[in-house]
Amino acid sequence: TKLPFSEQDAVDHPVSLYAATKKANELMAHSYAHLYRLPTT
């Protein structure tokens, strides 16, 4: 509820399955950036 939303905010409390999958995408992208040096944004 803290506004405006910042990329530095924790995003650990999704309120929809859609949001949970998008958070998962960010985590998956980081793992590939870390393991394989794949640049992801």
PDB file of all heavy atoms in Angstrom:
ATOM      1  N   THR A   1       0.821  -1.221   0.000  1.00  0.00           N
ATOM      2  CA  THR A   1       0.000   0.000   0.000  1.00  0.00           C
ATOM      3  C   THR A   1       0.849   1.263   0.000  1.00  0.00           C
ATOM      4  O   THR A   1       0.311   2.363  -0.177  1.00  0.00           O
ATOM      5  CB  THR A   1      -0.948   0.031   1.208  1.00  0.00           C
ATOM      6  OG1 THR A   1      -0.191  -0.083   2.423  1.00  0.00           O
ATOM      7  CG2 THR A   1      -1.964  -1.104   1.132  1.00  0.00           C
ATOM      8  N   LYS A   2       2.162   1.141   0.178  1.00  0.00           N
ATOM      9  CA  LYS A   2       3.042   2.316   0.112  1.00  0.00           C
ATOM     10  C   LYS A   2       3.123   2.789  -1.327  1.00  0.00           C
ATOM     11  O   LYS A   2       3.461   2.002  -2.217  1.00  0.00           O
ATOM     12  CB  LYS A   2       4.437   1.981   0.648  1.00  0.00           C
ATOM     13  CG  LYS A   2       5.404   3.165   0.600  1.00  0.00           C
ATOM     14  CD  LYS A   2       6.792   2.753   1.047  1.00  0.00           C
ATOM     15  CE  LYS A   2       7.528   1.963  -0.022  1.00  0.00           C
ATOM     16  NZ  LYS A   2       7.811   2.756  -1.248  1.00  0.00           N
ATOM     17  N   LEU A   3       2.804   4.055  -1.559  1.00  0.00           N
ATOM     18  CA  LEU A   3       2.816   4.614  -2.905  1.00  0.00           C
ATOM     19  C   LEU A   3       3.821   5.759  -3.000  1.00  0.00           C
ATOM     20  O   LEU A   3       4.026   6.485  -2.037  1.00  0.00           O
ATOM     21  CB  LEU A   3       1.420   5.108  -3.274  1.00  0.00           C
ATOM     22  CG  LEU A   3       0.310   4.044  -3.317  1.00  0.00           C
ATOM     23  CD1 LEU A   3      -1.048   4.718  -3.542  1.00  0.00           C
ATOM     24  CD2 LEU A   3       0.579   3.014  -4.396  1.00  0.00           C
ATOM     25  N   PRO A   4       4.440   5.951  -4.177  1.00  0.00           N
ATOM     26  CA  PRO A   4       4.326   5.128  -5.376  1.00  0.00           C
ATOM     27  C   PRO A   4       5.088   3.817  -5.223  1.00  0.00           C
ATOM     28  O   PRO A   4       5.984   3.707  -4.380  1.00  0.00           O
ATOM     29  CB  PRO A   4       4.958   6.003  -6.464  1.00  0.00           C
ATOM     30  CG  PRO A   4       5.965   6.834  -5.720  1.00  0.00           C
ATOM     31  CD  PRO A   4       5.339   7.116  -4.383  1.00  0.00           C
ATOM     32  N   PHE A   5       4.738   2.836  -6.037  1.00  0.00           N
ATOM     33  CA  PHE A   5       5.431   1.553  -6.020  1.00  0.00           C
ATOM     34  C   PHE A   5       6.834   1.724  -6.597  1.00  0.00           C
ATOM     35  O   PHE A   5       7.014   2.281  -7.679  1.00  0.00           O
ATOM     36  CB  PHE A   5       4.679   0.515  -6.854  1.00  0.00           C
ATOM     37  CG  PHE A   5       3.326   0.139  -6.316  1.00  0.00           C
ATOM     38  CD1 PHE A   5       2.301  -0.193  -7.179  1.00  0.00           C
ATOM     39  CD2 PHE A   5       3.081   0.094  -4.959  1.00  0.00           C
ATOM     40  CE1 PHE A   5       1.055  -0.562  -6.706  1.00  0.00           C
ATOM     41  CE2 PHE A   5       1.839  -0.268  -4.463  1.00  0.00           C
ATOM     42  CZ  PHE A   5       0.813  -0.592  -5.339  1.00  0.00           C
ATOM     43  N   SER A   6       7.812   1.221  -5.874  1.00  0.00           N
ATOM     44  CA  SER A   6       9.212   1.308  -6.299  1.00  0.00           C
ATOM     45  C   SER A   6       9.767  -0.082  -6.561  1.00  0.00           C
ATOM     46  O   SER A   6       9.375  -1.054  -5.900  1.00  0.00           O
ATOM     47  CB  SER A   6      10.038   1.998  -5.205  1.00  0.00           C
ATOM     48  OG  SER A   6      11.425   1.823  -5.430  1.00  0.00           O
ATOM     49  N   GLU A   7      10.689  -0.175  -7.500  1.00  0.00           N
ATOM     50  CA  GLU A   7      11.345  -1.457  -7.787  1.00  0.00           C
ATOM     51  C   GLU A   7      12.123  -1.976  -6.575  1.00  0.00           C
ATOM     52  O   GLU A   7      12.459  -3.154  -6.518  1.00  0.00           O
ATOM     53  CB  GLU A   7      12.302  -1.322  -8.981  1.00  0.00           C
ATOM     54  CG  GLU A   7      11.646  -0.925 -10.275  1.00  0.00           C
ATOM     55  CD  GLU A   7      11.671   0.570 -10.521  1.00  0.00           C
ATOM     56  OE1 GLU A   7      11.803   1.338  -9.536  1.00  0.00           O
ATOM     57  OE2 GLU A   7      11.563   0.983 -11.702  1.00  0.00           O
ATOM     58  N   GLN A   8      12.397  -1.081  -5.616  1.00  0.00           N
ATOM     59  CA  GLN A   8      13.114  -1.510  -4.411  1.00  0.00           C
ATOM     60  C   GLN A   8      12.181  -2.104  -3.354  1.00  0.00           C
ATOM     61  O   GLN A   8      12.642  -2.653  -2.351  1.00  0.00           O
ATOM     62  CB  GLN A   8      13.880  -0.327  -3.803  1.00  0.00           C
ATOM     63  CG  GLN A   8      15.247  -0.078  -4.444  1.00  0.00           C
ATOM     64  CD  GLN A   8      15.131   0.348  -5.886  1.00  0.00           C
ATOM     65  OE1 GLN A   8      14.400   1.285  -6.197  1.00  0.00           O
ATOM     66  NE2 GLN A   8      15.833  -0.329  -6.777  1.00  0.00           N
ATOM     67  N   ASP A   9      10.869  -2.025  -3.574  1.00  0.00           N
ATOM     68  CA  ASP A   9       9.919  -2.582  -2.620  1.00  0.00           C
ATOM     69  C   ASP A   9       9.909  -4.114  -2.685  1.00  0.00           C
ATOM     70  O   ASP A   9      10.120  -4.700  -3.749  1.00  0.00           O
ATOM     71  CB  ASP A   9       8.498  -2.081  -2.929  1.00  0.00           C
ATOM     72  CG  ASP A   9       8.347  -0.587  -2.741  1.00  0.00           C
ATOM     73  OD1 ASP A   9       9.155   0.013  -2.008  1.00  0.00           O
ATOM     74  OD2 ASP A   9       7.408  -0.012  -3.330  1.00  0.00           O
ATOM     75  N   ALA A  10       9.630  -4.739  -1.552  1.00  0.00           N
ATOM     76  CA  ALA A  10       9.416  -6.182  -1.541  1.00  0.00           C
ATOM     77  C   ALA A  10       8.098  -6.497  -2.252  1.00  0.00           C
ATOM     78  O   ALA A  10       7.121  -5.763  -2.108  1.00  0.00           O
ATOM     79  CB  ALA A  10       9.377  -6.699  -0.108  1.00  0.00           C
ATOM     80  N   VAL A  11       8.102  -7.576  -3.013  1.00  0.00           N
ATOM     81  CA  VAL A  11       6.880  -7.974  -3.742  1.00  0.00           C
ATOM     82  C   VAL A  11       6.578  -9.441  -3.443  1.00  0.00           C
ATOM     83  O   VAL A  11       6.500 -10.280  -4.329  1.00  0.00           O
ATOM     84  CB  VAL A  11       7.006  -7.716  -5.264  1.00  0.00           C
ATOM     85  CG1 VAL A  11       6.955  -6.228  -5.547  1.00  0.00           C
ATOM     86  CG2 VAL A  11       8.278  -8.313  -5.836  1.00  0.00           C
ATOM     87  N   ASP A  12       6.378  -9.718  -2.186  1.00  0.00           N
ATOM     88  CA  ASP A  12       6.225 -11.094  -1.722  1.00  0.00           C
ATOM     89  C   ASP A  12       4.797 -11.456  -1.337  1.00  0.00           C
ATOM     90  O   ASP A  12       4.564 -12.530  -0.776  1.00  0.00           O
ATOM     91  CB  ASP A  12       7.135 -11.341  -0.511  1.00  0.00           C
ATOM     92  CG  ASP A  12       8.599 -11.135  -0.854  1.00  0.00           C
ATOM     93  OD1 ASP A  12       9.001 -11.517  -1.971  1.00  0.00           O
ATOM     94  OD2 ASP A  12       9.336 -10.574  -0.018  1.00  0.00           O
ATOM     95  N   HIS A  13       3.832 -10.587  -1.646  1.00  0.00           N
ATOM     96  CA  HIS A  13       2.456 -10.852  -1.235  1.00  0.00           C
ATOM     97  C   HIS A  13       1.489 -10.639  -2.401  1.00  0.00           C
ATOM     98  O   HIS A  13       0.640  -9.737  -2.362  1.00  0.00           O
ATOM     99  CB  HIS A  13       2.072  -9.973  -0.037  1.00  0.00           C
ATOM    100  CG  HIS A  13       2.938 -10.213   1.160  1.00  0.00           C
ATOM    101  ND1 HIS A  13       4.101  -9.521   1.403  1.00  0.00           N
ATOM    102  CD2 HIS A  13       2.822 -11.112   2.170  1.00  0.00           C
ATOM    103  CE1 HIS A  13       4.671  -9.967   2.511  1.00  0.00           C
ATOM    104  NE2 HIS A  13       3.908 -10.930   2.991  1.00  0.00           N
ATOM    105  N   PRO A  14       1.573 -11.477  -3.429  1.00  0.00           N
ATOM    106  CA  PRO A  14       0.640 -11.357  -4.553  1.00  0.00           C
ATOM    107  C   PRO A  14      -0.782 -11.659  -4.100  1.00  0.00           C
ATOM    108  O   PRO A  14      -1.005 -12.478  -3.215  1.00  0.00           O
ATOM    109  CB  PRO A  14       1.144 -12.410  -5.547  1.00  0.00           C
ATOM    110  CG  PRO A  14       1.865 -13.409  -4.703  1.00  0.00           C
ATOM    111  CD  PRO A  14       2.495 -12.623  -3.593  1.00  0.00           C
ATOM    112  N   VAL A  15      -1.746 -10.987  -4.747  1.00  0.00           N
ATOM    113  CA  VAL A  15      -3.155 -11.221  -4.396  1.00  0.00           C
ATOM    114  C   VAL A  15      -3.918 -11.851  -5.558  1.00  0.00           C
ATOM    115  O   VAL A  15      -5.148 -11.904  -5.541  1.00  0.00           O
ATOM    116  CB  VAL A  15      -3.839  -9.917  -3.933  1.00  0.00           C
ATOM    117  CG1 VAL A  15      -3.197  -9.404  -2.646  1.00  0.00           C
ATOM    118  CG2 VAL A  15      -3.799  -8.847  -5.015  1.00  0.00           C
ATOM    119  N   SER A  16      -3.203 -12.327  -6.553  1.00  0.00           N
ATOM    120  CA  SER A  16      -3.813 -13.064  -7.663  1.00  0.00           C
ATOM    121  C   SER A  16      -2.798 -14.063  -8.195  1.00  0.00           C
ATOM    122  O   SER A  16      -1.576 -13.885  -8.039  1.00  0.00           O
ATOM    123  CB  SER A  16      -4.239 -12.121  -8.795  1.00  0.00           C
ATOM    124  OG  SER A  16      -3.110 -11.549  -9.432  1.00  0.00           O
ATOM    125  N   LEU A  17      -3.295 -15.118  -8.821  1.00  0.00           N
ATOM    126  CA  LEU A  17      -2.402 -16.099  -9.423  1.00  0.00           C
ATOM    127  C   LEU A  17      -1.590 -15.461 -10.545  1.00  0.00           C
ATOM    128  O   LEU A  17      -0.406 -15.764 -10.720  1.00  0.00           O
ATOM    129  CB  LEU A  17      -3.205 -17.289  -9.959  1.00  0.00           C
ATOM    130  CG  LEU A  17      -2.395 -18.409 -10.623  1.00  0.00           C
ATOM    131  CD1 LEU A  17      -1.395 -19.014  -9.651  1.00  0.00           C
ATOM    132  CD2 LEU A  17      -3.333 -19.482 -11.170  1.00  0.00           C
ATOM    133  N   TYR A  18      -2.209 -14.581 -11.324  1.00  0.00           N
ATOM    134  CA  TYR A  18      -1.496 -13.872 -12.384  1.00  0.00           C
ATOM    135  C   TYR A  18      -0.274 -13.156 -11.818  1.00  0.00           C
ATOM    136  O   TYR A  18       0.839 -13.268 -12.350  1.00  0.00           O
ATOM    137  CB  TYR A  18      -2.437 -12.879 -13.053  1.00  0.00           C
ATOM    138  CG  TYR A  18      -1.761 -11.934 -14.014  1.00  0.00           C
ATOM    139  CD1 TYR A  18      -1.289 -12.379 -15.247  1.00  0.00           C
ATOM    140  CD2 TYR A  18      -1.592 -10.587 -13.691  1.00  0.00           C
ATOM    141  CE1 TYR A  18      -0.671 -11.508 -16.130  1.00  0.00           C
ATOM    142  CE2 TYR A  18      -0.978  -9.715 -14.571  1.00  0.00           C
ATOM    143  CZ  TYR A  18      -0.517 -10.177 -15.785  1.00  0.00           C
ATOM    144  OH  TYR A  18       0.106  -9.311 -16.652  1.00  0.00           O
ATOM    145  N   ALA A  19      -0.460 -12.428 -10.728  1.00  0.00           N
ATOM    146  CA  ALA A  19       0.650 -11.700 -10.109  1.00  0.00           C
ATOM    147  C   ALA A  19       1.735 -12.662  -9.640  1.00  0.00           C
ATOM    148  O   ALA A  19       2.933 -12.383  -9.792  1.00  0.00           O
ATOM    149  CB  ALA A  19       0.140 -10.873  -8.936  1.00  0.00           C
ATOM    150  N   ALA A  20       1.334 -13.789  -9.080  1.00  0.00           N
ATOM    151  CA  ALA A  20       2.313 -14.773  -8.608  1.00  0.00           C
ATOM    152  C   ALA A  20       3.163 -15.298  -9.764  1.00  0.00           C
ATOM    153  O   ALA A  20       4.374 -15.487  -9.623  1.00  0.00           O
ATOM    154  CB  ALA A  20       1.599 -15.921  -7.907  1.00  0.00           C
ATOM    155  N   THR A  21       2.541 -15.517 -10.930  1.00  0.00           N
ATOM    156  CA  THR A  21       3.321 -16.020 -12.071  1.00  0.00           C
ATOM    157  C   THR A  21       4.267 -14.947 -12.585  1.00  0.00           C
ATOM    158  O   THR A  21       5.377 -15.266 -13.041  1.00  0.00           O
ATOM    159  CB  THR A  21       2.412 -16.501 -13.215  1.00  0.00           C
ATOM    160  OG1 THR A  21       1.635 -15.410 -13.731  1.00  0.00           O
ATOM    161  CG2 THR A  21       1.498 -17.625 -12.764  1.00  0.00           C
ATOM    162  N   LYS A  22       3.880 -13.690 -12.527  1.00  0.00           N
ATOM    163  CA  LYS A  22       4.767 -12.620 -12.986  1.00  0.00           C
ATOM    164  C   LYS A  22       5.954 -12.450 -12.041  1.00  0.00           C
ATOM    165  O   LYS A  22       7.084 -12.200 -12.476  1.00  0.00           O
ATOM    166  CB  LYS A  22       3.979 -11.312 -13.127  1.00  0.00           C
ATOM    167  CG  LYS A  22       3.037 -11.311 -14.320  1.00  0.00           C
ATOM    168  CD  LYS A  22       3.799 -11.493 -15.633  1.00  0.00           C
ATOM    169  CE  LYS A  22       2.937 -11.434 -16.851  1.00  0.00           C
ATOM    170  NZ  LYS A  22       3.694 -11.585 -18.101  1.00  0.00           N
ATOM    171  N   LYS A  23       5.712 -12.578 -10.754  1.00  0.00           N
ATOM    172  CA  LYS A  23       6.820 -12.573  -9.795  1.00  0.00           C
ATOM    173  C   LYS A  23       7.741 -13.764 -10.061  1.00  0.00           C
ATOM    174  O   LYS A  23       8.978 -13.635 -10.029  1.00  0.00           O
ATOM    175  CB  LYS A  23       6.265 -12.626  -8.367  1.00  0.00           C
ATOM    176  CG  LYS A  23       7.299 -12.913  -7.276  1.00  0.00           C
ATOM    177  CD  LYS A  23       8.352 -11.842  -7.164  1.00  0.00           C
ATOM    178  CE  LYS A  23       9.275 -12.111  -5.965  1.00  0.00           C
ATOM    179  NZ  LYS A  23      10.394 -11.153  -5.897  1.00  0.00           N
ATOM    180  N   ALA A  24       7.155 -14.914 -10.355  1.00  0.00           N
ATOM    181  CA  ALA A  24       7.957 -16.095 -10.678  1.00  0.00           C
ATOM    182  C   ALA A  24       8.820 -15.853 -11.907  1.00  0.00           C
ATOM    183  O   ALA A  24       9.984 -16.283 -11.972  1.00  0.00           O
ATOM    184  CB  ALA A  24       7.052 -17.306 -10.895  1.00  0.00           C
ATOM    185  N   ASN A  25       8.281 -15.161 -12.904  1.00  0.00           N
ATOM    186  CA  ASN A  25       9.055 -14.843 -14.106  1.00  0.00           C
ATOM    187  C   ASN A  25      10.297 -14.033 -13.762  1.00  0.00           C
ATOM    188  O   ASN A  25      11.385 -14.266 -14.313  1.00  0.00           O
ATOM    189  CB  ASN A  25       8.208 -14.061 -15.098  1.00  0.00           C
ATOM    190  CG  ASN A  25       7.159 -14.895 -15.805  1.00  0.00           C
ATOM    191  OD1 ASN A  25       6.308 -14.349 -16.507  1.00  0.00           O
ATOM    192  ND2 ASN A  25       7.179 -16.209 -15.629  1.00  0.00           N
ATOM    193  N   GLU A  26      10.151 -13.072 -12.872  1.00  0.00           N
ATOM    194  CA  GLU A  26      11.301 -12.254 -12.477  1.00  0.00           C
ATOM    195  C   GLU A  26      12.374 -13.110 -11.808  1.00  0.00           C
ATOM    196  O   GLU A  26      13.577 -12.942 -12.053  1.00  0.00           O
ATOM    197  CB  GLU A  26      10.846 -11.142 -11.539  1.00  0.00           C
ATOM    198  CG  GLU A  26       9.912 -10.133 -12.197  1.00  0.00           C
ATOM    199  CD  GLU A  26       9.389  -9.064 -11.261  1.00  0.00           C
ATOM    200  OE1 GLU A  26       9.740  -9.103 -10.059  1.00  0.00           O
ATOM    201  OE2 GLU A  26       8.645  -8.178 -11.726  1.00  0.00           O
ATOM    202  N   LEU A  27      11.950 -14.053 -10.976  1.00  0.00           N
ATOM    203  CA  LEU A  27      12.903 -14.941 -10.305  1.00  0.00           C
ATOM    204  C   LEU A  27      13.572 -15.888 -11.300  1.00  0.00           C
ATOM    205  O   LEU A  27      14.788 -16.129 -11.231  1.00  0.00           O
ATOM    206  CB  LEU A  27      12.184 -15.744  -9.224  1.00  0.00           C
ATOM    207  CG  LEU A  27      11.575 -14.937  -8.070  1.00  0.00           C
ATOM    208  CD1 LEU A  27      10.750 -15.852  -7.169  1.00  0.00           C
ATOM    209  CD2 LEU A  27      12.666 -14.246  -7.265  1.00  0.00           C
ATOM    210  N   MET A  28      12.791 -16.421 -12.219  1.00  0.00           N
ATOM    211  CA  MET A  28      13.346 -17.312 -13.228  1.00  0.00           C
ATOM    212  C   MET A  28      14.361 -16.577 -14.108  1.00  0.00           C
ATOM    213  O   MET A  28      15.431 -17.107 -14.430  1.00  0.00           O
ATOM    214  CB  MET A  28      12.214 -17.883 -14.091  1.00  0.00           C
ATOM    215  CG  MET A  28      11.261 -18.796 -13.334  1.00  0.00           C
ATOM    216  SD  MET A  28       9.694 -19.091 -14.202  1.00  0.00           S
ATOM    217  CE  MET A  28      10.236 -20.180 -15.521  1.00  0.00           C
ATOM    218  N   ALA A  29      14.016 -15.336 -14.479  1.00  0.00           N
ATOM    219  CA  ALA A  29      14.923 -14.545 -15.309  1.00  0.00           C
ATOM    220  C   ALA A  29      16.237 -14.294 -14.576  1.00  0.00           C
ATOM    221  O   ALA A  29      17.318 -14.366 -15.175  1.00  0.00           O
ATOM    222  CB  ALA A  29      14.267 -13.225 -15.690  1.00  0.00           C
ATOM    223  N   HIS A  30      16.154 -14.016 -13.277  1.00  0.00           N
ATOM    224  CA  HIS A  30      17.394 -13.785 -12.536  1.00  0.00           C
ATOM    225  C   HIS A  30      18.269 -15.034 -12.509  1.00  0.00           C
ATOM    226  O   HIS A  30      19.496 -14.949 -12.639  1.00  0.00           O
ATOM    227  CB  HIS A  30      17.134 -13.319 -11.101  1.00  0.00           C
ATOM    228  CG  HIS A  30      18.407 -12.968 -10.385  1.00  0.00           C
ATOM    229  ND1 HIS A  30      19.133 -13.891  -9.671  1.00  0.00           N
ATOM    230  CD2 HIS A  30      19.108 -11.805 -10.330  1.00  0.00           C
ATOM    231  CE1 HIS A  30      20.220 -13.316  -9.186  1.00  0.00           C
ATOM    232  NE2 HIS A  30      20.227 -12.043  -9.568  1.00  0.00           N
ATOM    233  N   SER A  31      17.659 -16.189 -12.346  1.00  0.00           N
ATOM    234  CA  SER A  31      18.462 -17.418 -12.295  1.00  0.00           C
ATOM    235  C   SER A  31      19.208 -17.630 -13.606  1.00  0.00           C
ATOM    236  O   SER A  31      20.377 -18.038 -13.609  1.00  0.00           O
ATOM    237  CB  SER A  31      17.589 -18.624 -11.958  1.00  0.00           C
ATOM    238  OG  SER A  31      16.708 -18.932 -13.021  1.00  0.00           O
ATOM    239  N   TYR A  32      18.576 -17.332 -14.742  1.00  0.00           N
ATOM    240  CA  TYR A  32      19.243 -17.496 -16.034  1.00  0.00           C
ATOM    241  C   TYR A  32      20.294 -16.409 -16.255  1.00  0.00           C
ATOM    242  O   TYR A  32      21.346 -16.665 -16.860  1.00  0.00           O
ATOM    243  CB  TYR A  32      18.216 -17.506 -17.176  1.00  0.00           C
ATOM    244  CG  TYR A  32      17.705 -18.895 -17.454  1.00  0.00           C
ATOM    245  CD1 TYR A  32      16.916 -19.573 -16.521  1.00  0.00           C
ATOM    246  CD2 TYR A  32      18.023 -19.561 -18.634  1.00  0.00           C
ATOM    247  CE1 TYR A  32      16.456 -20.853 -16.754  1.00  0.00           C
ATOM    248  CE2 TYR A  32      17.567 -20.842 -18.887  1.00  0.00           C
ATOM    249  CZ  TYR A  32      16.782 -21.481 -17.942  1.00  0.00           C
ATOM    250  OH  TYR A  32      16.344 -22.768 -18.174  1.00  0.00           O
ATOM    251  N   ALA A  33      20.024 -15.211 -15.760  1.00  0.00           N
ATOM    252  CA  ALA A  33      21.037 -14.161 -15.848  1.00  0.00           C
ATOM    253  C   ALA A  33      22.264 -14.538 -15.027  1.00  0.00           C
ATOM    254  O   ALA A  33      23.408 -14.310 -15.448  1.00  0.00           O
ATOM    255  CB  ALA A  33      20.451 -12.838 -15.365  1.00  0.00           C
ATOM    256  N   HIS A  34      22.028 -15.136 -13.872  1.00  0.00           N
ATOM    257  CA  HIS A  34      23.134 -15.534 -12.995  1.00  0.00           C
ATOM    258  C   HIS A  34      23.888 -16.753 -13.526  1.00  0.00           C
ATOM    259  O   HIS A  34      25.123 -16.750 -13.600  1.00  0.00           O
ATOM    260  CB  HIS A  34      22.593 -15.829 -11.591  1.00  0.00           C
ATOM    261  CG  HIS A  34      23.609 -16.409 -10.662  1.00  0.00           C
ATOM    262  ND1 HIS A  34      24.610 -15.657 -10.081  1.00  0.00           N
ATOM    263  CD2 HIS A  34      23.803 -17.683 -10.222  1.00  0.00           C
ATOM    264  CE1 HIS A  34      25.368 -16.433  -9.334  1.00  0.00           C
ATOM    265  NE2 HIS A  34      24.892 -17.668  -9.394  1.00  0.00           N
ATOM    266  N   LEU A  35      23.156 -17.782 -13.905  1.00  0.00           N
ATOM    267  CA  LEU A  35      23.788 -19.038 -14.309  1.00  0.00           C
ATOM    268  C   LEU A  35      24.439 -18.961 -15.689  1.00  0.00           C
ATOM    269  O   LEU A  35      25.526 -19.520 -15.913  1.00  0.00           O
ATOM    270  CB  LEU A  35      22.761 -20.172 -14.303  1.00  0.00           C
ATOM    271  CG  LEU A  35      22.226 -20.604 -12.938  1.00  0.00           C
ATOM    272  CD1 LEU A  35      21.047 -21.546 -13.117  1.00  0.00           C
ATOM    273  CD2 LEU A  35      23.333 -21.264 -12.126  1.00  0.00           C
ATOM    274  N   TYR A  36      23.775 -18.272 -16.624  1.00  0.00           N
ATOM    275  CA  TYR A  36      24.208 -18.322 -18.025  1.00  0.00           C
ATOM    276  C   TYR A  36      24.582 -16.956 -18.573  1.00  0.00           C
ATOM    277  O   TYR A  36      24.871 -16.843 -19.767  1.00  0.00           O
ATOM    278  CB  TYR A  36      23.094 -18.946 -18.884  1.00  0.00           C
ATOM    279  CG  TYR A  36      22.595 -20.252 -18.314  1.00  0.00           C
ATOM    280  CD1 TYR A  36      21.280 -20.369 -17.841  1.00  0.00           C
ATOM    281  CD2 TYR A  36      23.427 -21.363 -18.200  1.00  0.00           C
ATOM    282  CE1 TYR A  36      20.818 -21.562 -17.300  1.00  0.00           C
ATOM    283  CE2 TYR A  36      22.979 -22.558 -17.656  1.00  0.00           C
ATOM    284  CZ  TYR A  36      21.672 -22.645 -17.205  1.00  0.00           C
ATOM    285  OH  TYR A  36      21.215 -23.829 -16.661  1.00  0.00           O
ATOM    286  N   ARG A  37      24.582 -15.938 -17.696  1.00  0.00           N
ATOM    287  CA  ARG A  37      24.927 -14.568 -18.092  1.00  0.00           C
ATOM    288  C   ARG A  37      24.030 -14.081 -19.216  1.00  0.00           C
ATOM    289  O   ARG A  37      24.453 -13.323 -20.099  1.00  0.00           O
ATOM    290  CB  ARG A  37      26.399 -14.437 -18.472  1.00  0.00           C
ATOM    291  CG  ARG A  37      27.374 -15.055 -17.492  1.00  0.00           C
ATOM    292  CD  ARG A  37      27.098 -14.707 -16.043  1.00  0.00           C
ATOM    293  NE  ARG A  37      27.400 -13.293 -15.718  1.00  0.00           N
ATOM    294  CZ  ARG A  37      27.214 -12.772 -14.514  1.00  0.00           C
ATOM    295  NH1 ARG A  37      26.688 -13.514 -13.527  1.00  0.00           N
ATOM    296  NH2 ARG A  37      27.515 -11.510 -14.289  1.00  0.00           N
ATOM    297  N   LEU A  38      22.785 -14.514 -19.221  1.00  0.00           N
ATOM    298  CA  LEU A  38      21.805 -14.051 -20.193  1.00  0.00           C
ATOM    299  C   LEU A  38      21.266 -12.697 -19.734  1.00  0.00           C
ATOM    300  O   LEU A  38      20.620 -12.614 -18.690  1.00  0.00           O
ATOM    301  CB  LEU A  38      20.656 -15.060 -20.310  1.00  0.00           C
ATOM    302  CG  LEU A  38      19.428 -14.600 -21.107  1.00  0.00           C
ATOM    303  CD1 LEU A  38      19.786 -14.407 -22.585  1.00  0.00           C
ATOM    304  CD2 LEU A  38      18.280 -15.612 -20.956  1.00  0.00           C
ATOM    305  N   PRO A  39      21.506 -11.633 -20.477  1.00  0.00           N
ATOM    306  CA  PRO A  39      20.972 -10.328 -20.072  1.00  0.00           C
ATOM    307  C   PRO A  39      19.439 -10.312 -20.142  1.00  0.00           C
ATOM    308  O   PRO A  39      18.855 -10.616 -21.186  1.00  0.00           O
ATOM    309  CB  PRO A  39      21.574  -9.358 -21.099  1.00  0.00           C
ATOM    310  CG  PRO A  39      22.792 -10.060 -21.627  1.00  0.00           C
ATOM    311  CD  PRO A  39      22.398 -11.510 -21.653  1.00  0.00           C
ATOM    312  N   THR A  40      18.803  -9.997 -19.029  1.00  0.00           N
ATOM    313  CA  THR A  40      17.340  -9.975 -18.963  1.00  0.00           C
ATOM    314  C   THR A  40      16.871  -8.677 -18.333  1.00  0.00           C
ATOM    315  O   THR A  40      17.453  -8.202 -17.354  1.00  0.00           O
ATOM    316  CB  THR A  40      16.782 -11.150 -18.138  1.00  0.00           C
ATOM    317  OG1 THR A  40      17.135 -10.983 -16.758  1.00  0.00           O
ATOM    318  CG2 THR A  40      17.312 -12.485 -18.637  1.00  0.00           C
ATOM    319  N   THR A  41      15.807  -8.123 -18.893  1.00  0.00           N
ATOM    320  CA  THR A  41      15.183  -6.929 -18.324  1.00  0.00           C
ATOM    321  C   THR A  41      13.682  -7.169 -18.228  1.00  0.00           C
ATOM    322  O   THR A  41      13.032  -7.475 -19.234  1.00  0.00           O
ATOM    323  CB  THR A  41      15.436  -5.684 -19.193  1.00  0.00           C
ATOM    324  OG1 THR A  41      16.846  -5.456 -19.293  1.00  0.00           O
ATOM    325  CG2 THR A  41      14.780  -4.461 -18.561  1.00  0.00           C
TER     326      THR A  41
END
